[in-house]
N, C-alpha and C. Protein backbone atom coordinates (compact mmCIF):
# COMPACT_ATOMS: atom_id res chain seq x y z
N MET A 1 -5.69 -46.59 30.90
CA MET A 1 -7.02 -46.02 29.98
C MET A 1 -7.70 -46.44 29.90
N THR A 2 -7.89 -48.10 30.01
CA THR A 2 -9.34 -48.72 29.84
C THR A 2 -10.18 -48.49 31.28
N THR A 3 -9.76 -48.57 32.05
CA THR A 3 -10.60 -47.99 33.39
C THR A 3 -11.12 -46.59 33.55
N ILE A 4 -10.41 -45.18 33.03
CA ILE A 4 -10.82 -44.36 32.77
C ILE A 4 -12.04 -44.10 31.61
N LYS A 5 -12.31 -44.57 30.95
CA LYS A 5 -13.13 -44.25 29.53
C LYS A 5 -14.15 -44.97 30.01
N PRO A 6 -14.43 -45.94 30.77
CA PRO A 6 -16.05 -46.26 31.46
C PRO A 6 -16.14 -45.33 32.58
N LEU A 7 -14.92 -44.88 33.10
CA LEU A 7 -15.47 -43.59 34.60
C LEU A 7 -16.03 -42.19 33.47
N LEU A 8 -15.20 -41.65 32.89
CA LEU A 8 -15.87 -40.62 32.02
C LEU A 8 -17.81 -41.14 31.06
N PHE A 9 -17.29 -42.49 30.38
CA PHE A 9 -18.88 -42.74 30.20
C PHE A 9 -20.33 -42.38 31.07
N LEU A 10 -19.48 -43.04 32.37
CA LEU A 10 -20.70 -42.73 33.80
C LEU A 10 -20.90 -41.36 33.94
N VAL A 11 -19.80 -40.13 33.67
CA VAL A 11 -19.51 -38.85 34.06
C VAL A 11 -20.80 -38.46 33.05
N GLY A 12 -20.07 -38.61 31.92
CA GLY A 12 -21.20 -38.04 30.80
C GLY A 12 -22.54 -38.72 31.10
N VAL A 13 -23.01 -40.00 31.63
CA VAL A 13 -24.38 -40.16 31.17
C VAL A 13 -25.16 -39.19 32.20
N PHE A 14 -24.45 -39.48 33.71
CA PHE A 14 -24.62 -38.62 34.74
C PHE A 14 -24.60 -37.03 34.90
N ALA A 15 -23.94 -36.52 33.84
CA ALA A 15 -24.60 -35.06 33.49
C ALA A 15 -25.72 -34.75 33.20
N LEU A 16 -26.02 -35.61 31.66
CA LEU A 16 -26.96 -35.10 31.28
C LEU A 16 -27.87 -34.44 31.36
N PRO A 17 -28.59 -35.12 33.09
CA PRO A 17 -29.91 -34.77 33.32
C PRO A 17 -29.74 -32.98 33.62
N LEU A 18 -28.52 -32.38 34.06
CA LEU A 18 -27.79 -31.29 34.86
C LEU A 18 -28.00 -30.14 33.94
N THR A 19 -28.39 -30.67 32.72
CA THR A 19 -27.96 -29.02 31.73
C THR A 19 -29.60 -28.00 32.11
N ALA A 20 -28.47 -27.07 31.94
CA ALA A 20 -29.20 -25.82 32.30
C ALA A 20 -30.00 -25.58 31.43
N GLN A 21 -31.15 -24.15 31.86
CA GLN A 21 -31.91 -23.81 30.77
C GLN A 21 -31.19 -22.90 30.13
N THR A 22 -31.50 -22.68 28.57
CA THR A 22 -31.23 -21.63 27.64
C THR A 22 -32.60 -20.84 26.95
N CYS A 23 -32.25 -19.80 26.94
CA CYS A 23 -33.35 -18.82 26.57
C CYS A 23 -32.29 -18.13 25.12
N LEU A 24 -32.74 -17.73 24.39
CA LEU A 24 -32.77 -17.00 23.23
C LEU A 24 -32.82 -15.32 23.34
N THR A 25 -32.15 -14.87 23.76
CA THR A 25 -32.82 -13.10 23.71
C THR A 25 -33.50 -12.73 22.01
N SER A 26 -32.49 -13.45 21.12
CA SER A 26 -33.29 -12.74 19.91
C SER A 26 -34.68 -13.43 19.54
N VAL A 27 -35.06 -14.20 20.26
CA VAL A 27 -36.50 -14.65 20.43
C VAL A 27 -37.22 -13.80 21.12
N PRO A 28 -38.79 -13.05 20.92
CA PRO A 28 -39.19 -13.01 22.26
C PRO A 28 -39.77 -13.62 23.09
N GLU A 29 -39.97 -12.69 24.55
CA GLU A 29 -40.71 -14.24 25.70
C GLU A 29 -41.75 -14.26 25.23
N THR A 30 -42.65 -15.50 25.38
CA THR A 30 -44.07 -16.00 24.87
C THR A 30 -45.07 -15.54 26.55
N THR A 31 -43.94 -16.04 27.19
CA THR A 31 -44.65 -15.59 28.97
C THR A 31 -43.96 -14.36 30.06
N PRO A 32 -43.69 -13.14 29.42
CA PRO A 32 -43.09 -12.25 30.14
C PRO A 32 -43.53 -12.35 31.69
N THR A 33 -43.23 -11.88 32.53
CA THR A 33 -43.54 -11.78 34.14
C THR A 33 -44.49 -10.82 33.82
N SER A 34 -44.25 -9.29 33.34
CA SER A 34 -45.44 -8.49 33.46
C SER A 34 -46.76 -9.20 33.39
N GLN A 35 -47.04 -9.95 32.72
CA GLN A 35 -48.16 -9.81 31.86
C GLN A 35 -48.93 -11.21 33.38
N PHE A 36 -47.91 -11.53 34.16
CA PHE A 36 -48.62 -12.37 35.38
C PHE A 36 -48.70 -11.63 36.84
N THR A 37 -49.61 -12.04 37.69
CA THR A 37 -49.43 -11.15 38.52
C THR A 37 -49.10 -12.48 39.67
N ILE A 38 -48.61 -12.25 40.06
CA ILE A 38 -47.18 -13.40 41.41
C ILE A 38 -47.97 -12.99 42.55
N ASN A 39 -48.80 -13.94 43.11
CA ASN A 39 -50.18 -14.28 44.43
C ASN A 39 -48.76 -14.41 45.26
N THR A 40 -48.90 -13.88 46.80
CA THR A 40 -48.33 -14.57 48.08
C THR A 40 -48.72 -16.15 48.09
N ASP A 41 -49.50 -16.78 47.76
CA ASP A 41 -49.73 -17.86 48.39
C ASP A 41 -49.34 -19.16 47.06
N GLY A 42 -48.19 -18.61 46.57
CA GLY A 42 -47.91 -20.46 46.13
C GLY A 42 -48.19 -19.88 44.35
N THR A 43 -49.20 -19.43 44.12
CA THR A 43 -49.62 -19.19 42.60
C THR A 43 -49.42 -17.98 41.79
N VAL A 44 -50.02 -17.91 40.62
CA VAL A 44 -49.51 -16.65 39.84
C VAL A 44 -51.06 -16.83 38.78
N THR A 45 -51.49 -15.44 38.28
CA THR A 45 -52.13 -15.24 37.58
C THR A 45 -52.46 -14.47 36.43
N ASP A 46 -52.37 -15.08 35.25
CA ASP A 46 -52.27 -14.96 34.28
C ASP A 46 -53.28 -13.95 33.58
N ASN A 47 -52.83 -12.83 33.87
CA ASN A 47 -53.98 -11.54 33.31
C ASN A 47 -54.73 -11.79 31.77
N LEU A 48 -53.61 -12.22 31.11
CA LEU A 48 -54.43 -12.53 29.88
C LEU A 48 -55.25 -13.50 29.88
N THR A 49 -55.00 -14.59 30.21
CA THR A 49 -56.31 -16.21 30.35
C THR A 49 -56.89 -15.82 31.21
N GLY A 50 -56.74 -15.35 32.57
CA GLY A 50 -57.98 -15.47 33.94
C GLY A 50 -57.46 -16.47 34.53
N ILE A 51 -56.16 -17.23 34.03
CA ILE A 51 -55.62 -18.60 34.70
C ILE A 51 -54.86 -18.37 35.76
N MET A 52 -55.21 -18.90 37.16
CA MET A 52 -54.49 -18.95 37.85
C MET A 52 -53.73 -20.36 38.12
N TRP A 53 -52.36 -20.58 38.06
CA TRP A 53 -51.61 -21.51 38.03
C TRP A 53 -50.81 -21.74 39.52
N MET A 54 -50.71 -23.21 39.79
CA MET A 54 -49.95 -23.12 41.13
C MET A 54 -48.65 -23.10 40.42
N ARG A 55 -47.51 -22.47 41.28
CA ARG A 55 -46.16 -22.34 40.79
C ARG A 55 -45.02 -23.52 40.82
N CYS A 56 -46.14 -24.68 41.55
CA CYS A 56 -44.96 -25.65 42.01
C CYS A 56 -45.38 -26.48 40.86
N SER A 57 -44.96 -28.05 40.86
CA SER A 57 -45.37 -28.94 40.26
C SER A 57 -45.84 -29.87 41.17
N ILE A 58 -46.64 -30.33 41.06
CA ILE A 58 -47.86 -31.68 42.27
C ILE A 58 -46.48 -32.54 42.93
N GLY A 59 -46.47 -32.23 43.96
CA GLY A 59 -45.31 -33.23 45.27
C GLY A 59 -44.43 -32.25 45.50
N GLN A 60 -44.48 -31.22 44.79
CA GLN A 60 -43.30 -30.10 45.20
C GLN A 60 -44.30 -29.00 46.27
N SER A 61 -43.76 -27.98 47.05
CA SER A 61 -44.07 -27.18 48.40
C SER A 61 -43.43 -25.80 47.83
N TRP A 62 -44.49 -24.57 47.92
CA TRP A 62 -44.16 -23.85 47.70
C TRP A 62 -43.05 -23.01 49.07
N ASP A 63 -41.74 -22.76 48.98
CA ASP A 63 -41.25 -21.97 50.35
C ASP A 63 -41.24 -20.77 49.51
N THR A 64 -41.97 -19.76 50.60
CA THR A 64 -42.07 -18.94 50.77
C THR A 64 -40.95 -17.27 51.10
N ASN A 65 -40.30 -18.64 51.46
CA ASN A 65 -39.21 -17.62 52.18
C ASN A 65 -37.96 -17.23 51.22
N ASN A 66 -37.93 -18.71 50.35
CA ASN A 66 -37.01 -18.44 49.50
C ASN A 66 -37.22 -18.18 47.79
N GLN A 67 -38.71 -18.05 47.85
CA GLN A 67 -39.39 -18.05 46.81
C GLN A 67 -39.02 -18.90 45.40
N THR A 68 -39.22 -20.11 46.38
CA THR A 68 -39.16 -21.35 45.46
C THR A 68 -39.70 -22.62 45.55
N CYS A 69 -39.60 -23.75 44.68
CA CYS A 69 -40.73 -24.95 44.87
C CYS A 69 -39.45 -25.80 45.37
N THR A 70 -39.95 -26.19 46.44
CA THR A 70 -39.02 -27.79 47.12
C THR A 70 -39.46 -29.19 46.98
N GLY A 71 -38.65 -29.96 46.82
CA GLY A 71 -39.47 -31.65 47.10
C GLY A 71 -39.39 -32.23 45.92
N GLY A 72 -39.70 -33.71 45.88
CA GLY A 72 -39.80 -34.56 44.84
C GLY A 72 -41.08 -34.18 44.02
N VAL A 73 -41.18 -33.79 42.68
CA VAL A 73 -42.19 -33.95 41.93
C VAL A 73 -43.04 -35.13 41.73
N GLU A 74 -44.04 -35.73 41.81
CA GLU A 74 -45.26 -36.73 41.63
C GLU A 74 -45.16 -36.99 40.14
N GLN A 75 -45.00 -38.37 39.70
CA GLN A 75 -45.46 -38.78 38.62
C GLN A 75 -46.76 -39.48 38.99
N LEU A 76 -48.04 -39.53 37.76
CA LEU A 76 -49.17 -40.08 38.07
C LEU A 76 -49.51 -40.91 36.80
N THR A 77 -50.41 -41.56 36.21
CA THR A 77 -50.64 -42.12 35.15
C THR A 77 -51.62 -40.57 34.91
N TRP A 78 -52.46 -40.84 33.93
CA TRP A 78 -53.07 -39.88 33.28
C TRP A 78 -54.50 -40.03 34.39
N GLN A 79 -55.50 -41.49 34.45
CA GLN A 79 -56.27 -41.33 35.36
C GLN A 79 -56.04 -40.82 36.44
N GLN A 80 -54.94 -41.15 37.27
CA GLN A 80 -54.73 -40.77 38.86
C GLN A 80 -54.57 -38.64 38.70
N ALA A 81 -53.59 -38.80 37.91
CA ALA A 81 -53.90 -37.23 37.30
C ALA A 81 -55.05 -36.20 37.63
N LEU A 82 -55.98 -36.96 36.44
CA LEU A 82 -57.18 -35.99 36.71
C LEU A 82 -58.35 -36.79 38.29
N LYS A 83 -57.83 -37.64 38.89
CA LYS A 83 -58.66 -37.63 39.80
C LYS A 83 -58.00 -36.79 41.20
N SER A 84 -56.37 -36.62 40.99
CA SER A 84 -55.88 -35.72 42.18
C SER A 84 -55.99 -34.33 41.96
N ALA A 85 -56.37 -34.08 40.46
CA ALA A 85 -56.29 -32.78 40.30
C ALA A 85 -58.11 -32.40 41.10
N SER A 86 -58.75 -33.36 40.70
CA SER A 86 -60.63 -33.12 40.96
C SER A 86 -60.48 -32.95 42.55
N GLN A 87 -59.49 -33.73 43.79
CA GLN A 87 -59.91 -33.78 44.84
C GLN A 87 -58.95 -32.89 45.62
N TYR A 88 -57.78 -31.51 44.85
CA TYR A 88 -56.80 -31.50 45.37
C TYR A 88 -57.38 -30.12 46.02
N GLN A 89 -56.27 -29.61 47.07
CA GLN A 89 -57.17 -28.43 47.70
C GLN A 89 -55.81 -27.70 47.94
N TYR A 90 -55.78 -26.32 47.30
CA TYR A 90 -54.63 -25.88 47.86
C TYR A 90 -54.66 -24.07 48.05
N ALA A 91 -54.43 -23.42 48.61
CA ALA A 91 -54.69 -22.01 48.58
C ALA A 91 -56.10 -21.33 48.79
N GLY A 92 -56.38 -22.27 49.55
CA GLY A 92 -57.65 -21.93 49.67
C GLY A 92 -58.87 -22.14 48.74
N PHE A 93 -58.38 -22.77 47.45
CA PHE A 93 -59.29 -23.08 46.50
C PHE A 93 -59.26 -24.71 46.25
N ASN A 94 -60.37 -25.07 45.72
CA ASN A 94 -60.47 -26.82 45.94
C ASN A 94 -61.33 -26.79 44.31
N ASP A 95 -61.25 -25.87 43.33
CA ASP A 95 -61.48 -25.87 42.19
C ASP A 95 -60.21 -26.46 41.30
N TRP A 96 -59.66 -26.95 41.27
CA TRP A 96 -58.20 -26.91 40.48
C TRP A 96 -58.72 -28.11 40.02
N GLN A 97 -57.92 -27.80 38.23
CA GLN A 97 -58.50 -28.58 37.81
C GLN A 97 -56.83 -29.40 36.89
N LEU A 98 -57.16 -30.24 36.13
CA LEU A 98 -55.83 -30.60 34.89
C LEU A 98 -55.62 -29.35 34.08
N PRO A 99 -54.82 -29.07 33.10
CA PRO A 99 -55.34 -28.40 32.24
C PRO A 99 -55.10 -29.09 30.84
N ASN A 100 -56.30 -28.61 30.03
CA ASN A 100 -56.24 -29.31 28.52
C ASN A 100 -55.06 -28.85 27.84
N VAL A 101 -54.86 -29.42 26.59
CA VAL A 101 -53.70 -28.99 25.88
C VAL A 101 -53.20 -27.44 25.30
N LYS A 102 -54.40 -27.36 25.30
CA LYS A 102 -54.31 -25.23 24.59
C LYS A 102 -53.92 -24.41 26.04
N GLU A 103 -54.22 -25.12 27.17
CA GLU A 103 -54.63 -23.76 28.54
C GLU A 103 -52.96 -24.65 28.32
N LEU A 104 -52.48 -25.40 28.71
CA LEU A 104 -50.87 -25.61 28.96
C LEU A 104 -50.23 -25.06 28.34
N SER A 105 -50.40 -24.99 27.18
CA SER A 105 -49.33 -24.82 26.21
C SER A 105 -49.40 -22.88 26.73
N THR A 106 -50.36 -22.73 26.77
CA THR A 106 -49.86 -20.74 27.27
C THR A 106 -48.97 -20.38 28.34
N ILE A 107 -48.26 -21.93 28.98
CA ILE A 107 -47.08 -21.50 29.98
C ILE A 107 -46.16 -21.55 29.86
N VAL A 108 -45.65 -22.59 28.20
CA VAL A 108 -44.88 -22.69 27.40
C VAL A 108 -43.90 -21.38 27.08
N ASP A 109 -42.60 -21.06 27.57
CA ASP A 109 -41.95 -20.13 27.27
C ASP A 109 -41.29 -20.50 25.76
N ARG A 110 -41.61 -19.90 24.22
CA ARG A 110 -41.02 -20.39 23.26
C ARG A 110 -39.34 -19.49 23.01
N GLN A 111 -39.04 -18.73 23.95
CA GLN A 111 -37.67 -18.40 24.11
C GLN A 111 -36.54 -19.51 24.75
N CYS A 112 -37.43 -20.20 25.68
CA CYS A 112 -36.08 -21.02 26.15
C CYS A 112 -36.11 -22.31 25.91
N VAL A 113 -35.03 -23.22 26.56
CA VAL A 113 -35.37 -24.62 26.16
C VAL A 113 -35.00 -25.19 27.48
N ASP A 114 -35.60 -27.03 28.33
CA ASP A 114 -34.84 -27.32 29.32
C ASP A 114 -34.68 -26.51 30.89
N ALA A 115 -35.79 -25.32 30.92
CA ALA A 115 -36.69 -26.06 30.57
C ALA A 115 -37.47 -24.68 29.89
N ALA A 116 -38.64 -25.09 29.15
CA ALA A 116 -39.45 -24.18 27.97
C ALA A 116 -40.31 -23.83 29.14
N ILE A 117 -39.77 -22.50 29.89
CA ILE A 117 -40.87 -22.35 30.93
C ILE A 117 -40.44 -20.41 31.84
N ASN A 118 -41.29 -20.00 31.63
CA ASN A 118 -40.58 -18.97 32.58
C ASN A 118 -39.89 -19.29 33.81
N GLN A 119 -39.05 -19.34 34.41
CA GLN A 119 -38.48 -19.89 35.74
C GLN A 119 -38.59 -19.04 36.75
N THR A 120 -38.88 -17.79 36.28
CA THR A 120 -39.40 -16.86 37.64
C THR A 120 -40.34 -17.16 38.34
N LEU A 121 -41.45 -17.48 36.98
CA LEU A 121 -43.02 -17.82 37.45
C LEU A 121 -42.85 -19.57 37.86
N PHE A 122 -42.51 -19.88 38.15
CA PHE A 122 -42.87 -21.10 37.66
C PHE A 122 -41.76 -21.90 38.30
N PRO A 123 -41.04 -21.84 39.43
CA PRO A 123 -39.08 -22.26 39.67
C PRO A 123 -39.09 -23.42 39.66
N ALA A 124 -38.10 -24.14 39.35
CA ALA A 124 -38.16 -25.48 39.77
C ALA A 124 -38.83 -26.74 39.09
N THR A 125 -39.30 -26.00 37.92
CA THR A 125 -39.94 -26.59 36.90
C THR A 125 -38.89 -27.81 35.68
N LEU A 126 -39.32 -28.92 35.85
CA LEU A 126 -38.57 -30.39 35.67
C LEU A 126 -39.07 -29.62 33.90
N ALA A 127 -38.11 -30.32 33.20
CA ALA A 127 -37.61 -30.20 31.67
C ALA A 127 -38.96 -31.93 31.37
N GLN A 128 -39.63 -31.55 31.86
CA GLN A 128 -39.90 -32.88 31.39
C GLN A 128 -41.47 -33.21 30.95
N ASN A 129 -42.06 -34.18 30.90
CA ASN A 129 -43.34 -33.99 30.22
C ASN A 129 -44.68 -34.06 31.31
N TYR A 130 -45.66 -33.01 31.09
CA TYR A 130 -46.53 -32.75 31.48
C TYR A 130 -48.17 -33.07 31.36
N TRP A 131 -48.62 -33.84 32.08
CA TRP A 131 -50.26 -34.59 31.43
C TRP A 131 -50.95 -32.68 30.99
N THR A 132 -51.79 -33.60 30.03
CA THR A 132 -53.39 -32.08 30.15
C THR A 132 -54.39 -33.31 30.02
N SER A 133 -55.78 -32.31 30.58
CA SER A 133 -56.33 -33.12 30.07
C SER A 133 -57.66 -33.88 29.01
N THR A 134 -56.52 -33.47 27.81
CA THR A 134 -56.75 -33.85 26.38
C THR A 134 -56.74 -35.06 25.74
N SER A 135 -57.70 -36.07 25.85
CA SER A 135 -57.63 -37.50 25.20
C SER A 135 -56.87 -36.83 23.25
N GLY A 136 -56.13 -38.15 23.33
CA GLY A 136 -55.66 -38.44 22.15
C GLY A 136 -56.97 -38.57 21.01
N VAL A 137 -57.40 -38.00 20.02
CA VAL A 137 -58.43 -38.40 19.09
C VAL A 137 -58.08 -39.85 18.20
N GLY A 138 -59.10 -40.37 18.54
CA GLY A 138 -58.50 -41.81 17.82
C GLY A 138 -57.91 -42.83 18.46
N SER A 139 -57.95 -42.38 19.70
CA SER A 139 -56.61 -42.96 20.24
C SER A 139 -57.41 -43.34 21.94
N ALA A 140 -58.22 -43.83 22.44
CA ALA A 140 -58.83 -43.99 24.21
C ALA A 140 -57.42 -43.97 24.81
N SER A 141 -56.59 -44.78 24.57
CA SER A 141 -55.56 -45.36 25.56
C SER A 141 -54.24 -44.34 25.20
N GLN A 142 -54.60 -42.76 25.14
CA GLN A 142 -53.04 -41.85 24.94
C GLN A 142 -54.04 -40.38 25.18
N ALA A 143 -53.36 -39.49 25.52
CA ALA A 143 -53.44 -38.06 25.70
C ALA A 143 -52.28 -37.68 25.44
N TRP A 144 -52.72 -35.92 25.93
CA TRP A 144 -51.62 -34.93 25.00
C TRP A 144 -51.12 -34.67 26.15
N ALA A 145 -49.52 -34.42 26.65
CA ALA A 145 -48.70 -33.61 27.06
C ALA A 145 -47.93 -33.03 26.95
N VAL A 146 -47.36 -31.99 27.24
CA VAL A 146 -46.72 -30.72 26.90
C VAL A 146 -45.11 -31.19 27.66
N ALA A 147 -43.98 -31.33 26.45
CA ALA A 147 -42.87 -31.77 27.22
C ALA A 147 -42.24 -30.33 27.50
N PHE A 148 -42.27 -30.05 28.58
CA PHE A 148 -41.38 -28.37 28.68
C PHE A 148 -39.55 -28.72 28.85
N TYR A 149 -39.33 -29.62 27.86
CA TYR A 149 -37.68 -29.19 27.62
C TYR A 149 -37.46 -28.65 26.16
N SER A 150 -38.72 -28.70 25.53
CA SER A 150 -38.78 -27.95 24.48
C SER A 150 -39.95 -27.29 24.20
N GLY A 151 -41.20 -27.54 24.78
CA GLY A 151 -41.98 -26.66 24.55
C GLY A 151 -43.19 -27.41 23.91
N LYS A 152 -42.39 -28.50 23.07
CA LYS A 152 -43.87 -29.10 22.39
C LYS A 152 -45.16 -29.91 22.70
N THR A 153 -45.99 -30.58 22.03
CA THR A 153 -46.79 -31.26 22.33
C THR A 153 -46.77 -32.77 21.74
N ASN A 154 -47.11 -33.72 23.02
CA ASN A 154 -46.90 -35.20 22.24
C ASN A 154 -47.91 -35.79 23.19
N LEU A 155 -48.02 -37.20 22.09
CA LEU A 155 -48.95 -37.73 22.89
C LEU A 155 -48.17 -39.06 23.22
N ARG A 156 -49.17 -39.17 24.59
CA ARG A 156 -48.28 -40.39 25.85
C ARG A 156 -49.46 -41.37 25.38
N SER A 157 -49.42 -42.84 26.36
CA SER A 157 -49.73 -43.80 26.71
C SER A 157 -50.83 -42.81 28.42
N LYS A 158 -52.06 -42.97 28.14
CA LYS A 158 -52.45 -42.59 29.77
C LYS A 158 -51.97 -43.94 30.51
N THR A 159 -51.12 -44.76 30.51
CA THR A 159 -50.39 -45.31 31.58
C THR A 159 -49.17 -44.52 31.67
N SER A 160 -48.71 -44.05 31.46
CA SER A 160 -47.00 -43.48 31.84
C SER A 160 -47.10 -43.03 32.83
N ASP A 161 -46.40 -42.52 33.49
CA ASP A 161 -45.68 -41.91 35.12
C ASP A 161 -45.91 -40.56 34.42
N ILE A 162 -46.55 -39.48 34.54
CA ILE A 162 -46.37 -37.97 34.09
C ILE A 162 -46.41 -37.24 35.12
N HIS A 163 -45.29 -36.35 34.75
CA HIS A 163 -45.65 -34.69 36.02
C HIS A 163 -47.01 -33.59 35.67
N LEU A 164 -47.53 -32.97 36.80
CA LEU A 164 -48.28 -31.90 36.48
C LEU A 164 -48.44 -31.00 36.85
N ARG A 165 -48.76 -30.39 37.11
CA ARG A 165 -49.48 -28.44 36.92
C ARG A 165 -50.43 -28.46 37.10
N LEU A 166 -51.44 -27.86 37.87
CA LEU A 166 -52.28 -27.28 38.10
C LEU A 166 -53.04 -26.09 37.92
N MET A 167 -54.39 -25.77 37.68
CA MET A 167 -54.85 -24.55 37.34
C MET A 167 -56.41 -24.28 37.77
N ARG A 168 -57.20 -22.77 37.49
CA ARG A 168 -58.06 -22.98 38.07
C ARG A 168 -58.57 -21.63 37.21
N TYR A 169 -59.54 -21.62 36.62
CA TYR A 169 -60.12 -19.98 36.83
C TYR A 169 -60.31 -19.34 37.84
N ALA A 170 -59.54 -17.84 37.74
CA ALA A 170 -59.39 -16.73 38.46
C ALA A 170 -61.07 -16.39 38.75
N LYS A 171 -61.58 -16.25 39.87
CA LYS A 171 -63.05 -15.47 39.27
C LYS A 171 -62.81 -14.46 39.83
């Protein structure tokens, strides 16, 4: 029996990241698919805010045939994220930017957790922290992130390696 306990412990530890998204139908959607225009180039446009979002996290590629994001998701420090965003070219646009905390919070779906996002619009989004461009007030070493496992915001050290999703204002 002693050899089974460590094995069960390891199975339990490795099963934790595989939690499925949970959505409560009693809570209204905050990012209904009908609010967005799904573009054919791997982007979506929020018709309320005018923000065009990349459907995939940085590091992933949009798979048009399967309508999903594939590949590994990059993690960058805050400074690297800002620099990467300013140089990014995608879907024929070169004005991508790291969203501020209010902008990124607009794609949180409060109906769901693990990940707190509309997975029709943003497939394969990790239930992890994503950078914003917003620095912490009173702390030059921290910036705000949105935790897509819960939808909450939190301060993170700017030297932390965190995911990112870019946006631009549609013209």
